[in-house]
Amino acid sequence: MKPPDLFPDLPRTAVAVVFFRPSSEQVARIVARFAGRMPVLVYDNGGIPPEALVRLRQAQGLTLLGEGRNGGIAAALNALAEAAVAAGFPRLFLLDQDADAGIETVRALSLALDRAAGAEPPPAVVGPAPAPNPGHKAPRYPARPGVGPRGGLMPVEFLATSGSLVDLAAFAQVGPFREDFFIDAVDLEWCFRAWARGWSCWMDPGTAIPHSVGRGTIRARFLPVAMPDQPLFRMAVYVRNTAYGWRLPHVPARWKRRQIAYLPLQIGLYWARHRFSPRVLGRLLTALAQGLAGRLGRPADAPP
């Protein structure tokens, strides 16, 4: 899997994509943008259309991993990182199946990671700024207190995995993504752990890709508050993992205070969206109790 020499300033980098129930068009876009131009690692987390699987297997320079079962985003990302390390790549560009990014995005972030190389603490990951995506609430990456900008880059508390460029030597030191989180807050916990272990996370404001969570946005009627609208399973995992994060010593107290205030409001907004369903509230309160008690792992209602 030796990559072509695209740019003299682009170190050996692999593209890593996790697919879960993608459309054939999403698969085709990834193949068209990267296959044959950069080495591509794809993890099949389930639900890839048969014709798209054929396309992936026939694509030049593409390695297909996974067995078509949903093991969660963290397990998929860890498998991709392990494969990239085994193949000798020092950097890994992570993408969701719906991310709008190409080789120029990789090049821009590679140059950004080079600019951050002299920072203290040293960089573990650099990612793009979130661009607006109509109908969705864009994520916000809070600035890291006590660390100044460097080379036009902003130090941030955390980044979404999708669109981020990871230094795999740093990844080895920080450790893998938490597989018992299954999906939500995986990137947030990893970045807080990176900071705690002497590494840093950076956002490149000059590079942006659209990023969205969920299937829309829930907005409070009388407060300037908005949150992603997600299936109940996803919302419950988010609640559980957020509550569990309050137990972790590497998650800053300032973030815990914010979430302790914000999570009840999110639960209330989600419950109202679902017409105050007792079933919905019961599922979310159970998830909250599970997080506080440290009962993690694959949720019983996770899609196969």
C-alpha atoms as a PDB file:
ATOM      1  CA  MET A   1       0.000   0.000   0.000  1.00  0.00           C
ATOM      2  CA  LYS A   2       2.652   2.498  -0.996  1.00  0.00           C
ATOM      3  CA  PRO A   3       1.096   5.925  -1.637  1.00  0.00           C
ATOM      4  CA  PRO A   4       1.951   7.985  -4.692  1.00  0.00           C
ATOM      5  CA  ASP A   5       4.053  11.104  -4.182  1.00  0.00           C
ATOM      6  CA  LEU A   6       1.215  13.612  -4.360  1.00  0.00           C
ATOM      7  CA  PHE A   7       2.955  16.569  -2.766  1.00  0.00           C
ATOM      8  CA  PRO A   8       6.564  16.944  -1.634  1.00  0.00           C
ATOM      9  CA  ASP A   9       5.341  18.346   1.709  1.00  0.00           C
ATOM     10  CA  LEU A  10       2.787  15.589   2.405  1.00  0.00           C
ATOM     11  CA  PRO A  11       4.211  12.847   4.637  1.00  0.00           C
ATOM     12  CA  ARG A  12       2.988   9.293   4.221  1.00  0.00           C
ATOM     13  CA  THR A  13      -0.635   9.504   5.267  1.00  0.00           C
ATOM     14  CA  ALA A  14      -3.501   7.043   5.000  1.00  0.00           C
ATOM     15  CA  VAL A  15      -7.170   7.949   4.717  1.00  0.00           C
ATOM     16  CA  ALA A  16      -9.450   6.046   7.094  1.00  0.00           C
ATOM     17  CA  VAL A  17     -13.224   5.876   6.630  1.00  0.00           C
ATOM     18  CA  VAL A  18     -15.859   4.134   8.738  1.00  0.00           C
ATOM     19  CA  PHE A  19     -18.968   3.082   6.815  1.00  0.00           C
ATOM     20  CA  PHE A  20     -22.257   2.294   8.560  1.00  0.00           C
ATOM     21  CA  ARG A  21     -25.311   1.907   6.337  1.00  0.00           C
ATOM     22  CA  PRO A  22     -23.929   4.338   3.731  1.00  0.00           C
ATOM     23  CA  SER A  23     -25.618   5.120   0.451  1.00  0.00           C
ATOM     24  CA  SER A  24     -23.977   3.905  -2.734  1.00  0.00           C
ATOM     25  CA  GLU A  25     -23.340   7.567  -3.574  1.00  0.00           C
ATOM     26  CA  GLN A  26     -21.377   8.111  -0.357  1.00  0.00           C
ATOM     27  CA  VAL A  27     -19.193   5.091  -1.090  1.00  0.00           C
ATOM     28  CA  ALA A  28     -18.660   6.212  -4.666  1.00  0.00           C
ATOM     29  CA  ARG A  29     -17.600   9.689  -3.509  1.00  0.00           C
ATOM     30  CA  ILE A  30     -14.912   8.329  -1.185  1.00  0.00           C
ATOM     31  CA  VAL A  31     -13.589   6.020  -3.911  1.00  0.00           C
ATOM     32  CA  ALA A  32     -13.567   8.790  -6.505  1.00  0.00           C
ATOM     33  CA  ARG A  33     -11.790  11.301  -4.284  1.00  0.00           C
ATOM     34  CA  PHE A  34      -9.119   9.109  -2.735  1.00  0.00           C
ATOM     35  CA  ALA A  35      -8.721   5.628  -4.248  1.00  0.00           C
ATOM     36  CA  GLY A  36      -5.668   5.394  -6.480  1.00  0.00           C
ATOM     37  CA  ARG A  37      -4.461   8.775  -5.256  1.00  0.00           C
ATOM     38  CA  MET A  38      -3.859   8.020  -1.574  1.00  0.00           C
ATOM     39  CA  PRO A  39      -3.885   4.783   0.400  1.00  0.00           C
ATOM     40  CA  VAL A  40      -7.378   4.220   1.808  1.00  0.00           C
ATOM     41  CA  LEU A  41      -8.446   2.089   4.760  1.00  0.00           C
ATOM     42  CA  VAL A  42     -12.174   1.401   5.013  1.00  0.00           C
ATOM     43  CA  TYR A  43     -13.952  -0.231   7.940  1.00  0.00           C
ATOM     44  CA  ASP A  44     -17.247  -1.998   7.208  1.00  0.00           C
ATOM     45  CA  ASN A  45     -19.384  -1.399  10.292  1.00  0.00           C
ATOM     46  CA  GLY A  46     -22.424  -2.870   8.575  1.00  0.00           C
ATOM     47  CA  GLY A  47     -25.039  -2.074   5.960  1.00  0.00           C
ATOM     48  CA  ILE A  48     -22.874  -1.319   2.912  1.00  0.00           C
ATOM     49  CA  PRO A  49     -24.972  -1.965  -0.221  1.00  0.00           C
ATOM     50  CA  PRO A  50     -23.785  -5.027  -2.189  1.00  0.00           C
ATOM     51  CA  GLU A  51     -22.891  -3.031  -5.291  1.00  0.00           C
ATOM     52  CA  ALA A  52     -20.911  -0.574  -3.159  1.00  0.00           C
ATOM     53  CA  LEU A  53     -18.996  -3.444  -1.541  1.00  0.00           C
ATOM     54  CA  VAL A  54     -17.982  -4.621  -4.991  1.00  0.00           C
ATOM     55  CA  ARG A  55     -16.778  -1.136  -5.818  1.00  0.00           C
ATOM     56  CA  LEU A  56     -14.710  -0.979  -2.638  1.00  0.00           C
ATOM     57  CA  ARG A  57     -13.106  -4.369  -3.285  1.00  0.00           C
ATOM     58  CA  GLN A  58     -12.151  -3.319  -6.805  1.00  0.00           C
ATOM     59  CA  ALA A  59     -10.798   0.136  -5.893  1.00  0.00           C
ATOM     60  CA  GLN A  60      -7.079   0.724  -6.360  1.00  0.00           C
ATOM     61  CA  GLY A  61      -5.022   1.073  -3.174  1.00  0.00           C
ATOM     62  CA  LEU A  62      -8.008   0.452  -0.883  1.00  0.00           C
ATOM     63  CA  THR A  63      -8.003  -2.000   2.031  1.00  0.00           C
ATOM     64  CA  LEU A  64     -11.344  -3.183   3.396  1.00  0.00           C
ATOM     65  CA  LEU A  65     -11.515  -4.096   7.090  1.00  0.00           C
ATOM     66  CA  GLY A  66     -14.349  -5.251   9.341  1.00  0.00           C
ATOM     67  CA  GLU A  67     -16.920  -7.989   9.115  1.00  0.00           C
ATOM     68  CA  GLY A  68     -20.045  -5.967   8.433  1.00  0.00           C
ATOM     69  CA  ARG A  69     -21.226  -5.871  12.046  1.00  0.00           C
ATOM     70  CA  ASN A  70     -21.733  -2.696  14.048  1.00  0.00           C
ATOM     71  CA  GLY A  71     -19.103  -2.798  16.754  1.00  0.00           C
ATOM     72  CA  GLY A  72     -19.273   0.925  17.423  1.00  0.00           C
ATOM     73  CA  ILE A  73     -17.277   3.826  16.058  1.00  0.00           C
ATOM     74  CA  ALA A  74     -14.489   3.553  18.638  1.00  0.00           C
ATOM     75  CA  ALA A  75     -13.697  -0.076  17.801  1.00  0.00           C
ATOM     76  CA  ALA A  76     -13.711   0.744  14.084  1.00  0.00           C
ATOM     77  CA  LEU A  77     -11.368   3.716  14.518  1.00  0.00           C
ATOM     78  CA  ASN A  78      -8.998   1.653  16.661  1.00  0.00           C
ATOM     79  CA  ALA A  79      -8.868  -1.084  14.025  1.00  0.00           C
ATOM     80  CA  LEU A  80      -8.086   1.494  11.339  1.00  0.00           C
ATOM     81  CA  ALA A  81      -5.330   3.060  13.443  1.00  0.00           C
ATOM     82  CA  GLU A  82      -3.834  -0.365  14.144  1.00  0.00           C
ATOM     83  CA  ALA A  83      -3.823  -1.209  10.431  1.00  0.00           C
ATOM     84  CA  ALA A  84      -2.223   2.129   9.558  1.00  0.00           C
ATOM     85  CA  VAL A  85       0.529   1.642  12.126  1.00  0.00           C
ATOM     86  CA  ALA A  86       1.167  -1.900  10.867  1.00  0.00           C
ATOM     87  CA  ALA A  87       1.518  -0.530   7.335  1.00  0.00           C
ATOM     88  CA  GLY A  88       4.040   2.075   8.473  1.00  0.00           C
ATOM     89  CA  PHE A  89       2.007   5.262   8.151  1.00  0.00           C
ATOM     90  CA  PRO A  90       2.897   8.059  10.587  1.00  0.00           C
ATOM     91  CA  ARG A  91      -0.375   9.955  10.074  1.00  0.00           C
ATOM     92  CA  LEU A  92      -4.022   8.982   9.653  1.00  0.00           C
ATOM     93  CA  PHE A  93      -6.783  11.161   8.206  1.00  0.00           C
ATOM     94  CA  LEU A  94     -10.135  10.164   9.715  1.00  0.00           C
ATOM     95  CA  LEU A  95     -13.411  10.622   7.863  1.00  0.00           C
ATOM     96  CA  ASP A  96     -17.083   9.886   8.333  1.00  0.00           C
ATOM     97  CA  GLN A  97     -18.897   8.548   5.300  1.00  0.00           C
ATOM     98  CA  ASP A  98     -20.731  11.840   4.760  1.00  0.00           C
ATOM     99  CA  ALA A  99     -17.762  14.184   5.222  1.00  0.00           C
ATOM    100  CA  ASP A 100     -17.118  16.570   2.338  1.00  0.00           C
ATOM    101  CA  ALA A 101     -13.328  16.495   2.127  1.00  0.00           C
ATOM    102  CA  GLY A 102     -10.667  15.670  -0.432  1.00  0.00           C
ATOM    103  CA  ILE A 103      -6.937  15.394  -0.903  1.00  0.00           C
ATOM    104  CA  GLU A 104      -6.463  19.152  -0.614  1.00  0.00           C
ATOM    105  CA  THR A 105      -8.013  18.933   2.851  1.00  0.00           C
ATOM    106  CA  VAL A 106      -5.418  16.333   3.820  1.00  0.00           C
ATOM    107  CA  ARG A 107      -2.628  18.492   2.436  1.00  0.00           C
ATOM    108  CA  ALA A 108      -3.819  21.596   4.309  1.00  0.00           C
ATOM    109  CA  LEU A 109      -4.091  19.727   7.599  1.00  0.00           C
ATOM    110  CA  SER A 110      -0.698  18.068   7.076  1.00  0.00           C
ATOM    111  CA  LEU A 111       0.883  21.486   6.697  1.00  0.00           C
ATOM    112  CA  ALA A 112      -1.023  22.642   9.783  1.00  0.00           C
ATOM    113  CA  LEU A 113       0.267  19.687  11.798  1.00  0.00           C
ATOM    114  CA  ASP A 114       3.789  20.602  10.688  1.00  0.00           C
ATOM    115  CA  ARG A 115       3.263  24.178  11.915  1.00  0.00           C
ATOM    116  CA  ALA A 116       2.123  22.899  15.299  1.00  0.00           C
ATOM    117  CA  ALA A 117       5.092  20.571  15.643  1.00  0.00           C
ATOM    118  CA  GLY A 118       7.093  22.925  17.873  1.00  0.00           C
ATOM    119  CA  ALA A 119       4.227  23.568  20.256  1.00  0.00           C
ATOM    120  CA  GLU A 120       4.300  22.604  23.915  1.00  0.00           C
ATOM    121  CA  PRO A 121       2.654  20.283  24.564  1.00  0.00           C
ATOM    122  CA  PRO A 122       3.297  18.638  21.165  1.00  0.00           C
ATOM    123  CA  PRO A 123       0.339  18.081  18.834  1.00  0.00           C
ATOM    124  CA  ALA A 124      -1.583  14.822  18.745  1.00  0.00           C
ATOM    125  CA  VAL A 125      -4.237  15.897  16.254  1.00  0.00           C
ATOM    126  CA  VAL A 126      -5.254  18.806  14.061  1.00  0.00           C
ATOM    127  CA  GLY A 127      -8.662  19.251  12.529  1.00  0.00           C
ATOM    128  CA  PRO A 128     -10.675  21.647  10.382  1.00  0.00           C
ATOM    129  CA  ALA A 129     -13.104  24.276  11.552  1.00  0.00           C
ATOM    130  CA  PRO A 130     -16.745  23.175  11.281  1.00  0.00           C
ATOM    131  CA  ALA A 131     -18.431  24.779   8.276  1.00  0.00           C
ATOM    132  CA  PRO A 132     -22.172  25.532   8.332  1.00  0.00           C
ATOM    133  CA  ASN A 133     -24.436  22.669   7.269  1.00  0.00           C
ATOM    134  CA  PRO A 134     -28.018  23.817   6.660  1.00  0.00           C
ATOM    135  CA  GLY A 135     -30.532  22.213   8.999  1.00  0.00           C
ATOM    136  CA  HIS A 136     -27.899  20.991  11.455  1.00  0.00           C
ATOM    137  CA  LYS A 137     -26.245  22.435  14.521  1.00  0.00           C
ATOM    138  CA  ALA A 138     -22.539  22.839  13.852  1.00  0.00           C
ATOM    139  CA  PRO A 139     -20.246  21.661  16.645  1.00  0.00           C
ATOM    140  CA  ARG A 140     -18.194  24.176  18.595  1.00  0.00           C
ATOM    141  CA  TYR A 141     -14.678  23.455  19.770  1.00  0.00           C
ATOM    142  CA  PRO A 142     -13.869  25.437  22.934  1.00  0.00           C
ATOM    143  CA  ALA A 143     -10.446  27.053  23.153  1.00  0.00           C
ATOM    144  CA  ARG A 144      -7.965  25.412  25.507  1.00  0.00           C
ATOM    145  CA  PRO A 145      -7.202  27.827  28.369  1.00  0.00           C
ATOM    146  CA  GLY A 146      -3.589  28.732  28.993  1.00  0.00           C
ATOM    147  CA  VAL A 147      -2.293  27.742  25.541  1.00  0.00           C
ATOM    148  CA  GLY A 148      -1.703  30.374  22.860  1.00  0.00           C
ATOM    149  CA  PRO A 149      -2.296  30.111  19.105  1.00  0.00           C
ATOM    150  CA  ARG A 150       0.544  28.852  16.950  1.00  0.00           C
ATOM    151  CA  GLY A 151       1.070  29.275  13.227  1.00  0.00           C
ATOM    152  CA  GLY A 152      -2.486  30.436  12.721  1.00  0.00           C
ATOM    153  CA  LEU A 153      -3.842  27.387  14.587  1.00  0.00           C
ATOM    154  CA  MET A 154      -6.101  27.481  17.632  1.00  0.00           C
ATOM    155  CA  PRO A 155      -5.598  25.144  20.613  1.00  0.00           C
ATOM    156  CA  VAL A 156      -8.933  23.500  21.388  1.00  0.00           C
ATOM    157  CA  GLU A 157     -10.265  21.270  24.146  1.00  0.00           C
ATOM    158  CA  PHE A 158     -11.432  18.669  21.628  1.00  0.00           C
ATOM    159  CA  LEU A 159     -12.252  18.005  17.964  1.00  0.00           C
ATOM    160  CA  ALA A 160     -14.583  15.707  16.088  1.00  0.00           C
ATOM    161  CA  THR A 161     -12.785  12.658  14.753  1.00  0.00           C
ATOM    162  CA  SER A 162     -14.228  13.184  11.277  1.00  0.00           C
ATOM    163  CA  GLY A 163     -11.893  15.367   9.268  1.00  0.00           C
ATOM    164  CA  SER A 164      -9.060  15.169  11.779  1.00  0.00           C
ATOM    165  CA  LEU A 165      -5.446  14.281  11.056  1.00  0.00           C
ATOM    166  CA  VAL A 166      -3.935  12.148  13.817  1.00  0.00           C
ATOM    167  CA  ASP A 167      -0.255  11.743  14.593  1.00  0.00           C
ATOM    168  CA  LEU A 168      -0.018   7.985  15.157  1.00  0.00           C
ATOM    169  CA  ALA A 169       3.052   8.250  17.405  1.00  0.00           C
ATOM    170  CA  ALA A 170       0.961  10.449  19.691  1.00  0.00           C
ATOM    171  CA  PHE A 171      -1.970   8.048  19.366  1.00  0.00           C
ATOM    172  CA  ALA A 172       0.245   5.268  20.712  1.00  0.00           C
ATOM    173  CA  GLN A 173       1.038   7.389  23.768  1.00  0.00           C
ATOM    174  CA  VAL A 174      -2.483   8.677  24.391  1.00  0.00           C
ATOM    175  CA  GLY A 175      -4.049   5.261  23.900  1.00  0.00           C
ATOM    176  CA  PRO A 176      -6.974   3.996  21.812  1.00  0.00           C
ATOM    177  CA  PHE A 177     -10.477   5.375  21.674  1.00  0.00           C
ATOM    178  CA  ARG A 178     -12.710   3.995  24.415  1.00  0.00           C
ATOM    179  CA  GLU A 179     -14.593   1.083  22.909  1.00  0.00           C
ATOM    180  CA  ASP A 180     -16.924   0.870  25.901  1.00  0.00           C
ATOM    181  CA  PHE A 181     -18.234   4.321  24.919  1.00  0.00           C
ATOM    182  CA  PHE A 182     -19.406   2.678  21.672  1.00  0.00           C
ATOM    183  CA  ILE A 183     -20.140   5.910  19.793  1.00  0.00           C
ATOM    184  CA  ASP A 184     -20.899   9.305  21.386  1.00  0.00           C
ATOM    185  CA  ALA A 185     -18.249  11.460  23.137  1.00  0.00           C
ATOM    186  CA  VAL A 186     -15.475   9.133  21.926  1.00  0.00           C
ATOM    187  CA  ASP A 187     -13.517  12.016  20.386  1.00  0.00           C
ATOM    188  CA  LEU A 188     -14.154  14.353  23.309  1.00  0.00           C
ATOM    189  CA  GLU A 189     -12.827  11.887  25.895  1.00  0.00           C
ATOM    190  CA  TRP A 190      -9.788  11.041  23.762  1.00  0.00           C
ATOM    191  CA  CYS A 191      -8.808  14.694  23.324  1.00  0.00           C
ATOM    192  CA  PHE A 192      -9.149  15.437  27.029  1.00  0.00           C
ATOM    193  CA  ARG A 193      -6.978  12.382  27.684  1.00  0.00           C
ATOM    194  CA  ALA A 194      -4.425  13.649  25.145  1.00  0.00           C
ATOM    195  CA  TRP A 195      -4.128  16.970  26.972  1.00  0.00           C
ATOM    196  CA  ALA A 196      -3.801  15.173  30.307  1.00  0.00           C
ATOM    197  CA  ARG A 197      -1.015  12.962  28.956  1.00  0.00           C
ATOM    198  CA  GLY A 198       1.100  15.804  27.617  1.00  0.00           C
ATOM    199  CA  TRP A 199      -0.234  16.210  24.068  1.00  0.00           C
ATOM    200  CA  SER A 200      -2.328  18.902  22.411  1.00  0.00           C
ATOM    201  CA  CYS A 201      -5.233  19.288  19.979  1.00  0.00           C
ATOM    202  CA  TRP A 202      -5.464  22.018  17.345  1.00  0.00           C
ATOM    203  CA  MET A 203      -8.014  23.488  14.955  1.00  0.00           C
ATOM    204  CA  ASP A 204      -7.043  25.042  11.634  1.00  0.00           C
ATOM    205  CA  PRO A 205      -9.475  27.954  11.036  1.00  0.00           C
ATOM    206  CA  GLY A 206      -8.236  28.200   7.448  1.00  0.00           C
ATOM    207  CA  THR A 207      -9.542  24.717   6.626  1.00  0.00           C
ATOM    208  CA  ALA A 208     -13.235  23.953   7.049  1.00  0.00           C
ATOM    209  CA  ILE A 209     -15.552  21.074   6.221  1.00  0.00           C
ATOM    210  CA  PRO A 210     -19.284  20.748   6.932  1.00  0.00           C
ATOM    211  CA  HIS A 211     -19.956  18.632   9.974  1.00  0.00           C
ATOM    212  CA  SER A 212     -23.300  17.605  11.385  1.00  0.00           C
ATOM    213  CA  VAL A 213     -24.584  15.392  14.158  1.00  0.00           C
ATOM    214  CA  GLY A 214     -27.971  13.749  14.031  1.00  0.00           C
ATOM    215  CA  ARG A 215     -30.895  14.247  11.690  1.00  0.00           C
ATOM    216  CA  GLY A 216     -31.707  17.862  12.496  1.00  0.00           C
ATOM    217  CA  THR A 217     -31.775  20.402  15.303  1.00  0.00           C
ATOM    218  CA  ILE A 218     -33.920  20.819  18.414  1.00  0.00           C
ATOM    219  CA  ARG A 219     -34.241  24.429  19.560  1.00  0.00           C
ATOM    220  CA  ALA A 220     -35.570  25.778  22.853  1.00  0.00           C
ATOM    221  CA  ARG A 221     -38.515  28.128  22.439  1.00  0.00           C
ATOM    222  CA  PHE A 222     -37.478  30.732  24.987  1.00  0.00           C
ATOM    223  CA  LEU A 223     -33.735  30.157  25.387  1.00  0.00           C
ATOM    224  CA  PRO A 224     -30.811  30.498  22.938  1.00  0.00           C
ATOM    225  CA  VAL A 225     -30.174  26.762  23.159  1.00  0.00           C
ATOM    226  CA  ALA A 226     -29.975  24.244  20.316  1.00  0.00           C
ATOM    227  CA  MET A 227     -28.982  20.583  20.235  1.00  0.00           C
ATOM    228  CA  PRO A 228     -28.812  17.796  17.653  1.00  0.00           C
ATOM    229  CA  ASP A 229     -31.942  15.722  17.098  1.00  0.00           C
ATOM    230  CA  GLN A 230     -30.859  12.094  17.214  1.00  0.00           C
ATOM    231  CA  PRO A 231     -32.502   8.669  17.453  1.00  0.00           C
ATOM    232  CA  LEU A 232     -33.300   7.641  21.019  1.00  0.00           C
ATOM    233  CA  PHE A 233     -30.484   5.090  21.082  1.00  0.00           C
ATOM    234  CA  ARG A 234     -27.903   7.771  20.177  1.00  0.00           C
ATOM    235  CA  MET A 235     -29.287  10.281  22.645  1.00  0.00           C
ATOM    236  CA  ALA A 236     -29.212   7.688  25.418  1.00  0.00           C
ATOM    237  CA  VAL A 237     -25.584   6.791  24.699  1.00  0.00           C
ATOM    238  CA  TYR A 238     -24.696  10.490  24.713  1.00  0.00           C
ATOM    239  CA  VAL A 239     -26.374  10.936  28.108  1.00  0.00           C
ATOM    240  CA  ARG A 240     -24.679   7.839  29.515  1.00  0.00           C
ATOM    241  CA  ASN A 241     -21.196   8.719  28.301  1.00  0.00           C
ATOM    242  CA  THR A 242     -21.511  12.359  29.341  1.00  0.00           C
ATOM    243  CA  ALA A 243     -22.488  11.323  32.867  1.00  0.00           C
ATOM    244  CA  TYR A 244     -19.643   8.837  33.001  1.00  0.00           C
ATOM    245  CA  GLY A 245     -17.240  11.595  31.954  1.00  0.00           C
ATOM    246  CA  TRP A 246     -17.971  13.325  35.260  1.00  0.00           C
ATOM    247  CA  ARG A 247     -16.121  10.444  36.948  1.00  0.00           C
ATOM    248  CA  LEU A 248     -12.951  10.810  34.875  1.00  0.00           C
ATOM    249  CA  PRO A 249     -10.083  12.764  36.438  1.00  0.00           C
ATOM    250  CA  HIS A 250      -8.674  13.919  33.087  1.00  0.00           C
ATOM    251  CA  VAL A 251     -11.919  15.669  32.118  1.00  0.00           C
ATOM    252  CA  PRO A 252     -11.504  19.271  33.366  1.00  0.00           C
ATOM    253  CA  ALA A 253     -13.757  20.481  36.170  1.00  0.00           C
ATOM    254  CA  ARG A 254     -14.816  23.461  34.039  1.00  0.00           C
ATOM    255  CA  TRP A 255     -16.218  21.074  31.411  1.00  0.00           C
ATOM    256  CA  LYS A 256     -17.938  18.934  34.027  1.00  0.00           C
ATOM    257  CA  ARG A 257     -19.646  21.994  35.502  1.00  0.00           C
ATOM    258  CA  ARG A 258     -20.873  23.050  32.079  1.00  0.00           C
ATOM    259  CA  GLN A 259     -22.254  19.619  31.296  1.00  0.00           C
ATOM    260  CA  ILE A 260     -23.878  19.185  34.704  1.00  0.00           C
ATOM    261  CA  ALA A 261     -25.837  22.361  33.980  1.00  0.00           C
ATOM    262  CA  TYR A 262     -26.489  21.641  30.301  1.00  0.00           C
ATOM    263  CA  LEU A 263     -27.357  17.922  30.265  1.00  0.00           C
ATOM    264  CA  PRO A 264     -30.662  18.226  32.191  1.00  0.00           C
ATOM    265  CA  LEU A 265     -31.732  20.943  29.743  1.00  0.00           C
ATOM    266  CA  GLN A 266     -30.876  18.701  26.798  1.00  0.00           C
ATOM    267  CA  ILE A 267     -32.834  15.824  28.306  1.00  0.00           C
ATOM    268  CA  GLY A 268     -35.811  18.142  28.805  1.00  0.00           C
ATOM    269  CA  LEU A 269     -35.665  19.462  25.230  1.00  0.00           C
ATOM    270  CA  TYR A 270     -35.414  15.965  23.789  1.00  0.00           C
ATOM    271  CA  TRP A 271     -38.285  14.745  25.969  1.00  0.00           C
ATOM    272  CA  ALA A 272     -40.452  17.683  24.856  1.00  0.00           C
ATOM    273  CA  ARG A 273     -39.647  16.965  21.196  1.00  0.00           C
ATOM    274  CA  HIS A 274     -41.016  13.467  21.761  1.00  0.00           C
ATOM    275  CA  ARG A 275     -44.262  14.728  23.291  1.00  0.00           C
ATOM    276  CA  PHE A 276     -43.193  13.975  26.848  1.00  0.00           C
ATOM    277  CA  SER A 277     -43.214  10.259  26.209  1.00  0.00           C
ATOM    278  CA  PRO A 278     -42.731   8.247  29.445  1.00  0.00           C
ATOM    279  CA  ARG A 279     -40.777   5.665  27.445  1.00  0.00           C
ATOM    280  CA  VAL A 280     -38.332   8.277  26.183  1.00  0.00           C
ATOM    281  CA  LEU A 281     -37.806   9.836  29.600  1.00  0.00           C
ATOM    282  CA  GLY A 282     -37.355   6.412  31.181  1.00  0.00           C
ATOM    283  CA  ARG A 283     -34.711   5.453  28.614  1.00  0.00           C
ATOM    284  CA  LEU A 284     -32.749   8.666  29.171  1.00  0.00           C
ATOM    285  CA  LEU A 285     -32.907   8.496  32.963  1.00  0.00           C
ATOM    286  CA  THR A 286     -31.772   4.869  32.833  1.00  0.00           C
ATOM    287  CA  ALA A 287     -28.854   5.945  30.636  1.00  0.00           C
ATOM    288  CA  LEU A 288     -27.989   8.691  33.120  1.00  0.00           C
ATOM    289  CA  ALA A 289     -27.951   6.181  35.978  1.00  0.00           C
ATOM    290  CA  GLN A 290     -25.802   3.792  33.926  1.00  0.00           C
ATOM    291  CA  GLY A 291     -23.253   6.517  33.283  1.00  0.00           C
ATOM    292  CA  LEU A 292     -23.071   7.576  36.898  1.00  0.00           C
ATOM    293  CA  ALA A 293     -22.624   3.929  37.915  1.00  0.00           C
ATOM    294  CA  GLY A 294     -19.991   3.253  35.247  1.00  0.00           C
ATOM    295  CA  ARG A 295     -22.057   0.672  33.356  1.00  0.00           C
ATOM    296  CA  LEU A 296     -20.835   1.132  29.793  1.00  0.00           C
ATOM    297  CA  GLY A 297     -20.427  -1.122  26.750  1.00  0.00           C
ATOM    298  CA  ARG A 298     -22.614  -1.903  23.778  1.00  0.00           C
ATOM    299  CA  PRO A 299     -26.192  -0.720  24.423  1.00  0.00           C
ATOM    300  CA  ALA A 300     -28.863  -3.385  24.170  1.00  0.00           C
ATOM    301  CA  ASP A 301     -30.781  -1.322  21.599  1.00  0.00           C
ATOM    302  CA  ALA A 302     -27.785  -0.539  19.369  1.00  0.00           C
ATOM    303  CA  PRO A 303     -28.504  -1.204  15.684  1.00  0.00           C
ATOM    304  CA  PRO A 304     -26.822  -4.325  14.290  1.00  0.00           C
END
